[in-house]
PDB file of N, CA and C in Angstrom:
ATOM      1  N   MET A   1     -84.087  55.728  -6.608  1.00  0.00           N
ATOM      2  CA  MET A   1     -84.024  56.120  -5.211  1.00  0.00           C
ATOM      3  C   MET A   1     -85.203  57.033  -4.888  1.00  0.00           C
ATOM      4  N   ARG A   2     -85.710  56.893  -3.711  1.00  0.00           N
ATOM      5  CA  ARG A   2     -86.756  57.760  -3.161  1.00  0.00           C
ATOM      6  C   ARG A   2     -86.275  58.239  -1.801  1.00  0.00           C
ATOM      7  N   PHE A   3     -86.855  59.341  -1.318  1.00  0.00           N
ATOM      8  CA  PHE A   3     -86.546  59.787   0.038  1.00  0.00           C
ATOM      9  C   PHE A   3     -87.155  58.782   1.014  1.00  0.00           C
ATOM     10  N   ASP A   4     -86.375  58.371   2.004  1.00  0.00           N
ATOM     11  CA  ASP A   4     -86.894  57.473   3.027  1.00  0.00           C
ATOM     12  C   ASP A   4     -87.011  58.235   4.351  1.00  0.00           C
ATOM     13  N   ASP A   5     -87.383  57.522   5.401  1.00  0.00           N
ATOM     14  CA  ASP A   5     -87.579  58.175   6.702  1.00  0.00           C
ATOM     15  C   ASP A   5     -86.304  58.842   7.206  1.00  0.00           C
ATOM     16  N   HIS A   6     -85.159  58.200   6.975  1.00  0.00           N
ATOM     17  CA  HIS A   6     -83.882  58.790   7.407  1.00  0.00           C
ATOM     18  C   HIS A   6     -83.661  60.136   6.714  1.00  0.00           C
ATOM     19  N   HIS A   7     -83.865  60.189   5.393  1.00  0.00           N
ATOM     20  CA  HIS A   7     -83.701  61.431   4.646  1.00  0.00           C
ATOM     21  C   HIS A   7     -84.640  62.510   5.193  1.00  0.00           C
ATOM     22  N   ARG A   8     -85.889  62.150   5.400  1.00  0.00           N
ATOM     23  CA  ARG A   8     -86.879  63.126   5.881  1.00  0.00           C
ATOM     24  C   ARG A   8     -86.488  63.663   7.265  1.00  0.00           C
ATOM     25  N   THR A   9     -86.008  62.794   8.137  1.00  0.00           N
ATOM     26  CA  THR A   9     -85.604  63.213   9.483  1.00  0.00           C
ATOM     27  C   THR A   9     -84.417  64.167   9.422  1.00  0.00           C
ATOM     28  N   VAL A  10     -83.396  63.821   8.657  1.00  0.00           N
ATOM     29  CA  VAL A  10     -82.200  64.665   8.537  1.00  0.00           C
ATOM     30  C   VAL A  10     -82.582  66.049   8.015  1.00  0.00           C
ATOM     31  N   ILE A  11     -83.361  66.087   6.963  1.00  0.00           N
ATOM     32  CA  ILE A  11     -83.739  67.363   6.349  1.00  0.00           C
ATOM     33  C   ILE A  11     -84.606  68.192   7.282  1.00  0.00           C
ATOM     34  N   ARG A  12     -85.609  67.589   7.881  1.00  0.00           N
ATOM     35  CA  ARG A  12     -86.496  68.356   8.763  1.00  0.00           C
ATOM     36  C   ARG A  12     -85.757  68.859   9.999  1.00  0.00           C
ATOM     37  N   GLU A  13     -84.887  68.042  10.583  1.00  0.00           N
ATOM     38  CA  GLU A  13     -84.133  68.492  11.762  1.00  0.00           C
ATOM     39  C   GLU A  13     -83.210  69.650  11.407  1.00  0.00           C
ATOM     40  N   TYR A  14     -82.534  69.560  10.288  1.00  0.00           N
ATOM     41  CA  TYR A  14     -81.623  70.627   9.872  1.00  0.00           C
ATOM     42  C   TYR A  14     -82.385  71.936   9.673  1.00  0.00           C
ATOM     43  N   TYR A  15     -83.443  71.895   8.887  1.00  0.00           N
ATOM     44  CA  TYR A  15     -84.170  73.129   8.591  1.00  0.00           C
ATOM     45  C   TYR A  15     -84.945  73.653   9.787  1.00  0.00           C
ATOM     46  N   THR A  16     -85.397  72.789  10.673  1.00  0.00           N
ATOM     47  CA  THR A  16     -86.039  73.258  11.904  1.00  0.00           C
ATOM     48  C   THR A  16     -85.048  74.081  12.716  1.00  0.00           C
ATOM     49  N   ARG A  17     -83.829  73.578  12.866  1.00  0.00           N
ATOM     50  CA  ARG A  17     -82.784  74.334  13.586  1.00  0.00           C
ATOM     51  C   ARG A  17     -82.506  75.661  12.899  1.00  0.00           C
ATOM     52  N   GLU A  18     -82.377  75.653  11.586  1.00  0.00           N
ATOM     53  CA  GLU A  18     -82.074  76.870  10.844  1.00  0.00           C
ATOM     54  C   GLU A  18     -83.200  77.896  10.969  1.00  0.00           C
ATOM     55  N   PHE A  19     -84.439  77.457  10.780  1.00  0.00           N
ATOM     56  CA  PHE A  19     -85.570  78.379  10.843  1.00  0.00           C
ATOM     57  C   PHE A  19     -85.716  78.960  12.235  1.00  0.00           C
ATOM     58  N   ARG A  20     -85.584  78.125  13.254  1.00  0.00           N
ATOM     59  CA  ARG A  20     -85.740  78.599  14.638  1.00  0.00           C
ATOM     60  C   ARG A  20     -84.641  79.569  15.041  1.00  0.00           C
ATOM     61  N   SER A  21     -83.455  79.419  14.452  1.00  0.00           N
ATOM     62  CA  SER A  21     -82.360  80.327  14.784  1.00  0.00           C
ATOM     63  C   SER A  21     -82.411  81.598  13.948  1.00  0.00           C
ATOM     64  N   GLY A  22     -83.411  81.704  13.083  1.00  0.00           N
ATOM     65  CA  GLY A  22     -83.588  82.917  12.291  1.00  0.00           C
ATOM     66  C   GLY A  22     -82.816  82.935  10.986  1.00  0.00           C
ATOM     67  N   HIS A  23     -82.180  81.827  10.623  1.00  0.00           N
ATOM     68  CA  HIS A  23     -81.449  81.764   9.360  1.00  0.00           C
ATOM     69  C   HIS A  23     -82.372  81.249   8.273  1.00  0.00           C
ATOM     70  N   CYS A  24     -82.631  82.097   7.307  1.00  0.00           N
ATOM     71  CA  CYS A  24     -83.458  81.678   6.179  1.00  0.00           C
ATOM     72  C   CYS A  24     -82.561  81.342   4.997  1.00  0.00           C
ATOM     73  N   PRO A  25     -82.773  80.189   4.378  1.00  0.00           N
ATOM     74  CA  PRO A  25     -82.000  79.858   3.184  1.00  0.00           C
ATOM     75  C   PRO A  25     -82.300  80.850   2.065  1.00  0.00           C
ATOM     76  N   PRO A  26     -81.397  80.989   1.085  1.00  0.00           N
ATOM     77  CA  PRO A  26     -81.667  81.876  -0.050  1.00  0.00           C
ATOM     78  C   PRO A  26     -82.997  81.519  -0.706  1.00  0.00           C
ATOM     79  N   GLY A  27     -83.725  82.535  -1.119  1.00  0.00           N
ATOM     80  CA  GLY A  27     -84.991  82.303  -1.802  1.00  0.00           C
ATOM     81  C   GLY A  27     -86.195  82.261  -0.891  1.00  0.00           C
ATOM     82  N   LEU A  28     -85.989  82.316   0.428  1.00  0.00           N
ATOM     83  CA  LEU A  28     -87.104  82.358   1.366  1.00  0.00           C
ATOM     84  C   LEU A  28     -87.086  83.701   2.086  1.00  0.00           C
ATOM     85  N   ALA A  29     -88.253  84.264   2.294  1.00  0.00           N
ATOM     86  CA  ALA A  29     -88.352  85.547   2.984  1.00  0.00           C
ATOM     87  C   ALA A  29     -88.141  85.363   4.471  1.00  0.00           C
ATOM     88  N   LYS A  30     -87.479  86.325   5.101  1.00  0.00           N
ATOM     89  CA  LYS A  30     -87.274  86.258   6.547  1.00  0.00           C
ATOM     90  C   LYS A  30     -88.471  86.930   7.224  1.00  0.00           C
ATOM     91  N   LYS A  31     -89.127  86.208   8.086  1.00  0.00           N
ATOM     92  CA  LYS A  31     -90.310  86.713   8.780  1.00  0.00           C
ATOM     93  C   LYS A  31     -90.115  86.538  10.272  1.00  0.00           C
ATOM     94  N   GLY A  32     -90.915  87.218  11.063  1.00  0.00           N
ATOM     95  CA  GLY A  32     -90.836  87.094  12.508  1.00  0.00           C
ATOM     96  C   GLY A  32     -91.201  85.711  13.002  1.00  0.00           C
ATOM     97  N   ASN A  33     -91.962  84.970  12.227  1.00  0.00           N
ATOM     98  CA  ASN A  33     -92.396  83.632  12.648  1.00  0.00           C
ATOM     99  C   ASN A  33     -91.691  82.523  11.878  1.00  0.00           C
ATOM    100  N   GLY A  34     -90.533  82.817  11.344  1.00  0.00           N
ATOM    101  CA  GLY A  34     -89.774  81.800  10.611  1.00  0.00           C
ATOM    102  C   GLY A  34     -89.625  82.168   9.162  1.00  0.00           C
ATOM    103  N   CYS A  35     -89.249  81.241   8.364  1.00  0.00           N
ATOM    104  CA  CYS A  35     -89.011  81.468   6.936  1.00  0.00           C
ATOM    105  C   CYS A  35     -90.202  80.936   6.145  1.00  0.00           C
ATOM    106  N   MET A  36     -90.680  81.752   5.273  1.00  0.00           N
ATOM    107  CA  MET A  36     -91.810  81.358   4.444  1.00  0.00           C
ATOM    108  C   MET A  36     -91.430  81.509   2.983  1.00  0.00           C
ATOM    109  N   PRO A  37     -91.960  80.649   2.106  1.00  0.00           N
ATOM    110  CA  PRO A  37     -91.652  80.792   0.687  1.00  0.00           C
ATOM    111  C   PRO A  37     -92.273  82.069   0.141  1.00  0.00           C
ATOM    112  N   PRO A  38     -91.760  82.543  -1.005  1.00  0.00           N
ATOM    113  CA  PRO A  38     -92.213  83.808  -1.556  1.00  0.00           C
ATOM    114  C   PRO A  38     -93.669  83.857  -1.990  1.00  0.00           C
ATOM    115  N   GLY A  39     -94.406  82.795  -1.878  1.00  0.00           N
ATOM    116  CA  GLY A  39     -95.830  82.835  -2.173  1.00  0.00           C
ATOM    117  C   GLY A  39     -96.191  82.430  -3.592  1.00  0.00           C
ATOM    118  N   GLN A  40     -95.235  81.948  -4.334  1.00  0.00           N
ATOM    119  CA  GLN A  40     -95.550  81.478  -5.668  1.00  0.00           C
ATOM    120  C   GLN A  40     -96.206  80.107  -5.601  1.00  0.00           C
ATOM    121  N   ALA A  41     -97.078  79.859  -6.549  1.00  0.00           N
ATOM    122  CA  ALA A  41     -97.661  78.527  -6.650  1.00  0.00           C
ATOM    123  C   ALA A  41     -96.569  77.555  -7.067  1.00  0.00           C
ATOM    124  N   LYS A  42     -96.693  76.324  -6.632  1.00  0.00           N
ATOM    125  CA  LYS A  42     -95.706  75.315  -7.024  1.00  0.00           C
ATOM    126  C   LYS A  42     -95.717  75.164  -8.534  1.00  0.00           C
ATOM    127  N   LYS A  43     -94.530  75.198  -9.091  1.00  0.00           N
ATOM    128  CA  LYS A  43     -94.403  75.066 -10.534  1.00  0.00           C
ATOM    129  C   LYS A  43     -93.800  73.723 -10.916  1.00  0.00           C
ATOM    130  N   TRP A  44     -93.496  72.888  -9.949  1.00  0.00           N
ATOM    131  CA  TRP A  44     -92.859  71.601 -10.251  1.00  0.00           C
ATOM    132  C   TRP A  44     -93.798  70.470  -9.858  1.00  0.00           C
ATOM    133  N   HIS A  45     -93.561  69.310 -10.455  1.00  0.00           N
ATOM    134  CA  HIS A  45     -94.354  68.116 -10.163  1.00  0.00           C
ATOM    135  C   HIS A  45     -93.454  66.891 -10.266  1.00  0.00           C
ATOM    136  N   VAL A  46     -93.635  65.939  -9.345  1.00  0.00           N
ATOM    137  CA  VAL A  46     -92.898  64.681  -9.425  1.00  0.00           C
ATOM    138  C   VAL A  46     -93.245  64.016 -10.760  1.00  0.00           C
ATOM    139  N   GLY A  47     -92.212  63.516 -11.421  1.00  0.00           N
ATOM    140  CA  GLY A  47     -92.413  62.855 -12.700  1.00  0.00           C
ATOM    141  C   GLY A  47     -92.303  63.778 -13.899  1.00  0.00           C
ATOM    142  N   ARG A  48     -92.055  65.071 -13.646  1.00  0.00           N
ATOM    143  CA  ARG A  48     -91.900  66.035 -14.733  1.00  0.00           C
ATOM    144  C   ARG A  48     -90.602  66.811 -14.543  1.00  0.00           C
ATOM    145  N   PRO A  49     -90.039  67.333 -15.616  1.00  0.00           N
ATOM    146  CA  PRO A  49     -88.831  68.147 -15.468  1.00  0.00           C
ATOM    147  C   PRO A  49     -89.159  69.484 -14.793  1.00  0.00           C
ATOM    148  N   LEU A  50     -88.170  70.023 -14.084  1.00  0.00           N
ATOM    149  CA  LEU A  50     -88.333  71.359 -13.515  1.00  0.00           C
ATOM    150  C   LEU A  50     -88.463  72.360 -14.653  1.00  0.00           C
ATOM    151  N   PRO A  51     -89.440  73.251 -14.591  1.00  0.00           N
ATOM    152  CA  PRO A  51     -89.510  74.299 -15.614  1.00  0.00           C
ATOM    153  C   PRO A  51     -88.253  75.173 -15.555  1.00  0.00           C
ATOM    154  N   ARG A  52     -87.879  75.734 -16.675  1.00  0.00           N
ATOM    155  CA  ARG A  52     -86.658  76.537 -16.759  1.00  0.00           C
ATOM    156  C   ARG A  52     -86.674  77.759 -15.847  1.00  0.00           C
ATOM    157  N   ASP A  53     -87.848  78.268 -15.529  1.00  0.00           N
ATOM    158  CA  ASP A  53     -87.910  79.484 -14.699  1.00  0.00           C
ATOM    159  C   ASP A  53     -87.901  79.196 -13.199  1.00  0.00           C
ATOM    160  N   VAL A  54     -87.821  77.943 -12.798  1.00  0.00           N
ATOM    161  CA  VAL A  54     -87.776  77.595 -11.376  1.00  0.00           C
ATOM    162  C   VAL A  54     -86.336  77.740 -10.874  1.00  0.00           C
ATOM    163  N   VAL A  55     -86.181  78.547  -9.817  1.00  0.00           N
ATOM    164  CA  VAL A  55     -84.867  78.745  -9.212  1.00  0.00           C
ATOM    165  C   VAL A  55     -84.669  77.666  -8.158  1.00  0.00           C
ATOM    166  N   TYR A  56     -83.522  76.992  -8.223  1.00  0.00           N
ATOM    167  CA  TYR A  56     -83.233  75.969  -7.216  1.00  0.00           C
ATOM    168  C   TYR A  56     -81.835  76.177  -6.670  1.00  0.00           C
ATOM    169  N   TYR A  57     -81.619  75.627  -5.477  1.00  0.00           N
ATOM    170  CA  TYR A  57     -80.359  75.783  -4.760  1.00  0.00           C
ATOM    171  C   TYR A  57     -79.837  74.415  -4.346  1.00  0.00           C
ATOM    172  N   ASP A  58     -78.513  74.263  -4.367  1.00  0.00           N
ATOM    173  CA  ASP A  58     -77.915  73.044  -3.835  1.00  0.00           C
ATOM    174  C   ASP A  58     -78.156  72.998  -2.333  1.00  0.00           C
ATOM    175  N   LEU A  59     -78.237  71.807  -1.777  1.00  0.00           N
ATOM    176  CA  LEU A  59     -78.386  71.668  -0.328  1.00  0.00           C
ATOM    177  C   LEU A  59     -77.047  71.970   0.342  1.00  0.00           C
ATOM    178  N   PRO A  60     -77.101  72.462   1.576  1.00  0.00           N
ATOM    179  CA  PRO A  60     -75.853  72.711   2.309  1.00  0.00           C
ATOM    180  C   PRO A  60     -75.054  71.407   2.445  1.00  0.00           C
ATOM    181  N   PRO A  61     -73.716  71.510   2.395  1.00  0.00           N
ATOM    182  CA  PRO A  61     -72.868  70.310   2.515  1.00  0.00           C
ATOM    183  C   PRO A  61     -73.165  69.484   3.760  1.00  0.00           C
ATOM    184  N   ALA A  62     -73.520  70.128   4.874  1.00  0.00           N
ATOM    185  CA  ALA A  62     -73.809  69.390   6.112  1.00  0.00           C
ATOM    186  C   ALA A  62     -74.960  68.404   5.917  1.00  0.00           C
ATOM    187  N   ILE A  63     -75.961  68.784   5.144  1.00  0.00           N
ATOM    188  CA  ILE A  63     -77.095  67.882   4.903  1.00  0.00           C
ATOM    189  C   ILE A  63     -76.676  66.758   3.964  1.00  0.00           C
ATOM    190  N   VAL A  64     -75.949  67.093   2.915  1.00  0.00           N
ATOM    191  CA  VAL A  64     -75.541  66.083   1.938  1.00  0.00           C
ATOM    192  C   VAL A  64     -74.685  65.013   2.608  1.00  0.00           C
ATOM    193  N   VAL A  65     -73.817  65.418   3.532  1.00  0.00           N
ATOM    194  CA  VAL A  65     -72.993  64.447   4.252  1.00  0.00           C
ATOM    195  C   VAL A  65     -73.877  63.475   5.023  1.00  0.00           C
ATOM    196  N   GLU A  66     -74.895  63.998   5.693  1.00  0.00           N
ATOM    197  CA  GLU A  66     -75.792  63.124   6.474  1.00  0.00           C
ATOM    198  C   GLU A  66     -76.698  62.274   5.587  1.00  0.00           C
ATOM    199  N   LEU A  67     -77.142  62.835   4.466  1.00  0.00           N
ATOM    200  CA  LEU A  67     -78.022  62.092   3.564  1.00  0.00           C
ATOM    201  C   LEU A  67     -77.273  61.003   2.809  1.00  0.00           C
ATOM    202  N   GLY A  68     -76.033  61.280   2.507  1.00  0.00           N
ATOM    203  CA  GLY A  68     -75.268  60.399   1.638  1.00  0.00           C
ATOM    204  C   GLY A  68     -75.344  60.928   0.220  1.00  0.00           C
ATOM    205  N   ILE A  69     -74.421  60.491  -0.578  1.00  0.00           N
ATOM    206  CA  ILE A  69     -74.355  60.953  -1.960  1.00  0.00           C
ATOM    207  C   ILE A  69     -75.564  60.420  -2.721  1.00  0.00           C
ATOM    208  N   PRO A  70     -76.223  61.286  -3.502  1.00  0.00           N
ATOM    209  CA  PRO A  70     -77.365  60.788  -4.286  1.00  0.00           C
ATOM    210  C   PRO A  70     -76.877  59.809  -5.358  1.00  0.00           C
ATOM    211  N   PRO A  71     -77.779  59.040  -5.922  1.00  0.00           N
ATOM    212  CA  PRO A  71     -77.385  58.090  -6.968  1.00  0.00           C
ATOM    213  C   PRO A  71     -76.695  58.821  -8.131  1.00  0.00           C
ATOM    214  N   VAL A  72     -75.848  58.115  -8.842  1.00  0.00           N
ATOM    215  CA  VAL A  72     -75.179  58.686 -10.003  1.00  0.00           C
ATOM    216  C   VAL A  72     -76.231  59.266 -10.945  1.00  0.00           C
ATOM    217  N   GLY A  73     -75.972  60.479 -11.416  1.00  0.00           N
ATOM    218  CA  GLY A  73     -76.896  61.122 -12.344  1.00  0.00           C
ATOM    219  C   GLY A  73     -78.035  61.852 -11.677  1.00  0.00           C
ATOM    220  N   HIS A  74     -77.983  61.998 -10.350  1.00  0.00           N
ATOM    221  CA  HIS A  74     -79.043  62.687  -9.605  1.00  0.00           C
ATOM    222  C   HIS A  74     -78.425  63.698  -8.648  1.00  0.00           C
ATOM    223  N   ARG A  75     -79.236  64.642  -8.193  1.00  0.00           N
ATOM    224  CA  ARG A  75     -78.780  65.591  -7.180  1.00  0.00           C
ATOM    225  C   ARG A  75     -79.948  66.034  -6.323  1.00  0.00           C
ATOM    226  N   PHE A  76     -79.602  66.444  -5.097  1.00  0.00           N
ATOM    227  CA  PHE A  76     -80.581  67.010  -4.181  1.00  0.00           C
ATOM    228  C   PHE A  76     -80.571  68.518  -4.370  1.00  0.00           C
ATOM    229  N   VAL A  77     -81.752  69.130  -4.453  1.00  0.00           N
ATOM    230  CA  VAL A  77     -81.855  70.580  -4.554  1.00  0.00           C
ATOM    231  C   VAL A  77     -83.016  71.065  -3.686  1.00  0.00           C
ATOM    232  N   ARG A  78     -83.006  72.376  -3.409  1.00  0.00           N
ATOM    233  CA  ARG A  78     -84.120  72.990  -2.696  1.00  0.00           C
ATOM    234  C   ARG A  78     -84.777  74.002  -3.610  1.00  0.00           C
ATOM    235  N   VAL A  79     -86.103  73.935  -3.701  1.00  0.00           N
ATOM    236  CA  VAL A  79     -86.913  74.912  -4.421  1.00  0.00           C
ATOM    237  C   VAL A  79     -87.870  75.493  -3.395  1.00  0.00           C
ATOM    238  N   ALA A  80     -87.687  76.797  -3.083  1.00  0.00           N
ATOM    239  CA  ALA A  80     -88.465  77.445  -2.022  1.00  0.00           C
ATOM    240  C   ALA A  80     -88.365  76.600  -0.758  1.00  0.00           C
ATOM    241  N   SER A  81     -89.478  76.067  -0.253  1.00  0.00           N
ATOM    242  CA  SER A  81     -89.427  75.286   0.981  1.00  0.00           C
ATOM    243  C   SER A  81     -89.590  73.791   0.733  1.00  0.00           C
ATOM    244  N   ASP A  82     -89.196  73.347  -0.457  1.00  0.00           N
ATOM    245  CA  ASP A  82     -89.287  71.933  -0.816  1.00  0.00           C
ATOM    246  C   ASP A  82     -87.897  71.401  -1.167  1.00  0.00           C
ATOM    247  N   ILE A  83     -87.618  70.168  -0.798  1.00  0.00           N
ATOM    248  CA  ILE A  83     -86.376  69.497  -1.166  1.00  0.00           C
ATOM    249  C   ILE A  83     -86.723  68.474  -2.244  1.00  0.00           C
ATOM    250  N   LEU A  84     -85.970  68.527  -3.340  1.00  0.00           N
ATOM    251  CA  LEU A  84     -86.245  67.644  -4.462  1.00  0.00           C
ATOM    252  C   LEU A  84     -85.036  66.779  -4.778  1.00  0.00           C
ATOM    253  N   LEU A  85     -85.302  65.585  -5.281  1.00  0.00           N
ATOM    254  CA  LEU A  85     -84.289  64.736  -5.884  1.00  0.00           C
ATOM    255  C   LEU A  85     -84.562  64.832  -7.377  1.00  0.00           C
ATOM    256  N   ILE A  86     -83.580  65.359  -8.134  1.00  0.00           N
ATOM    257  CA  ILE A  86     -83.786  65.526  -9.566  1.00  0.00           C
ATOM    258  C   ILE A  86     -82.725  64.773 -10.355  1.00  0.00           C
ATOM    259  N   ALA A  87     -83.067  64.440 -11.581  1.00  0.00           N
ATOM    260  CA  ALA A  87     -82.123  63.811 -12.501  1.00  0.00           C
ATOM    261  C   ALA A  87     -81.297  64.912 -13.151  1.00  0.00           C
ATOM    262  N   VAL A  88     -79.963  64.731 -13.135  1.00  0.00           N
ATOM    263  CA  VAL A  88     -79.067  65.686 -13.780  1.00  0.00           C
ATOM    264  C   VAL A  88     -79.283  65.595 -15.288  1.00  0.00           C
ATOM    265  N   GLY A  89     -79.256  66.718 -15.944  1.00  0.00           N
ATOM    266  CA  GLY A  89     -79.426  66.733 -17.395  1.00  0.00           C
ATOM    267  C   GLY A  89     -80.855  67.026 -17.797  1.00  0.00           C
ATOM    268  N   THR A  90     -81.787  66.202 -17.350  1.00  0.00           N
ATOM    269  CA  THR A  90     -83.191  66.410 -17.719  1.00  0.00           C
ATOM    270  C   THR A  90     -83.929  67.286 -16.719  1.00  0.00           C
ATOM    271  N   GLY A  91     -83.440  67.333 -15.469  1.00  0.00           N
ATOM    272  CA  GLY A  91     -84.141  68.085 -14.429  1.00  0.00           C
ATOM    273  C   GLY A  91     -85.417  67.402 -13.962  1.00  0.00           C
ATOM    274  N   MET A  92     -85.592  66.141 -14.331  1.00  0.00           N
ATOM    275  CA  MET A  92     -86.803  65.398 -13.937  1.00  0.00           C
ATOM    276  C   MET A  92     -86.863  65.286 -12.423  1.00  0.00           C
ATOM    277  N   VAL A  93     -88.018  65.629 -11.847  1.00  0.00           N
ATOM    278  CA  VAL A  93     -88.216  65.519 -10.406  1.00  0.00           C
ATOM    279  C   VAL A  93     -88.557  64.064 -10.092  1.00  0.00           C
ATOM    280  N   ILE A  94     -87.692  63.424  -9.297  1.00  0.00           N
ATOM    281  CA  ILE A  94     -87.856  62.012  -8.967  1.00  0.00           C
ATOM    282  C   ILE A  94     -88.660  61.848  -7.682  1.00  0.00           C
ATOM    283  N   ASP A  95     -88.385  62.696  -6.685  1.00  0.00           N
ATOM    284  CA  ASP A  95     -89.087  62.621  -5.394  1.00  0.00           C
ATOM    285  C   ASP A  95     -88.969  63.978  -4.703  1.00  0.00           C
ATOM    286  N   ALA A  96     -89.783  64.185  -3.664  1.00  0.00           N
ATOM    287  CA  ALA A  96     -89.789  65.481  -2.983  1.00  0.00           C
ATOM    288  C   ALA A  96     -90.168  65.341  -1.523  1.00  0.00           C
ATOM    289  N   ILE A  97     -89.618  66.258  -0.729  1.00  0.00           N
ATOM    290  CA  ILE A  97     -90.047  66.489   0.651  1.00  0.00           C
ATOM    291  C   ILE A  97     -90.578  67.916   0.643  1.00  0.00           C
ATOM    292  N   GLU A  98     -91.863  68.054   0.888  1.00  0.00           N
ATOM    293  CA  GLU A  98     -92.528  69.348   0.708  1.00  0.00           C
ATOM    294  C   GLU A  98     -92.763  70.091   2.022  1.00  0.00           C
ATOM    295  N   ASP A  99     -92.884  71.406   1.875  1.00  0.00           N
ATOM    296  CA  ASP A  99     -93.339  72.293   2.943  1.00  0.00           C
ATOM    297  C   ASP A  99     -92.479  72.280   4.202  1.00  0.00           C
ATOM    298  N   LEU A 100     -91.180  72.534   4.055  1.00  0.00           N
ATOM    299  CA  LEU A 100     -90.292  72.612   5.215  1.00  0.00           C
ATOM    300  C   LEU A 100     -90.697  73.728   6.165  1.00  0.00           C
ATOM    301  N   ASP A 101     -91.380  74.731   5.651  1.00  0.00           N
ATOM    302  CA  ASP A 101     -91.776  75.870   6.476  1.00  0.00           C
ATOM    303  C   ASP A 101     -92.922  75.539   7.421  1.00  0.00           C
ATOM    304  N   ARG A 102     -93.507  74.362   7.319  1.00  0.00           N
ATOM    305  CA  ARG A 102     -94.651  73.982   8.181  1.00  0.00           C
ATOM    306  C   ARG A 102     -94.262  72.939   9.198  1.00  0.00           C
ATOM    307  N   MET A 103     -93.060  73.075   9.734  1.00  0.00           N
ATOM    308  CA  MET A 103     -92.568  72.064  10.688  1.00  0.00           C
ATOM    309  C   MET A 103     -92.971  72.407  12.092  1.00  0.00           C
TER     310      MET A 103
END
């Protein structure tokens, strides 16, 4: 599975609403101009496992309902301002939607 246009639209619309209303997800700094990532360089890459020191968060249930359940053995997570599809167990990054803070 890869993120398609429907997935990208659902995710961007959700986070645009959240950022504009001043709600920053955990792990993002609250700023006057929206939510920005903490400024760390990206430590993950598609096709590689997430490094152990990368903090990730489950997506809110409202997004998962709209996206649909990920394939068996996979999960959607957020790392800073990026949404990733990862393999459970290995943490392999399968696909990503990057830079939610630049909407």
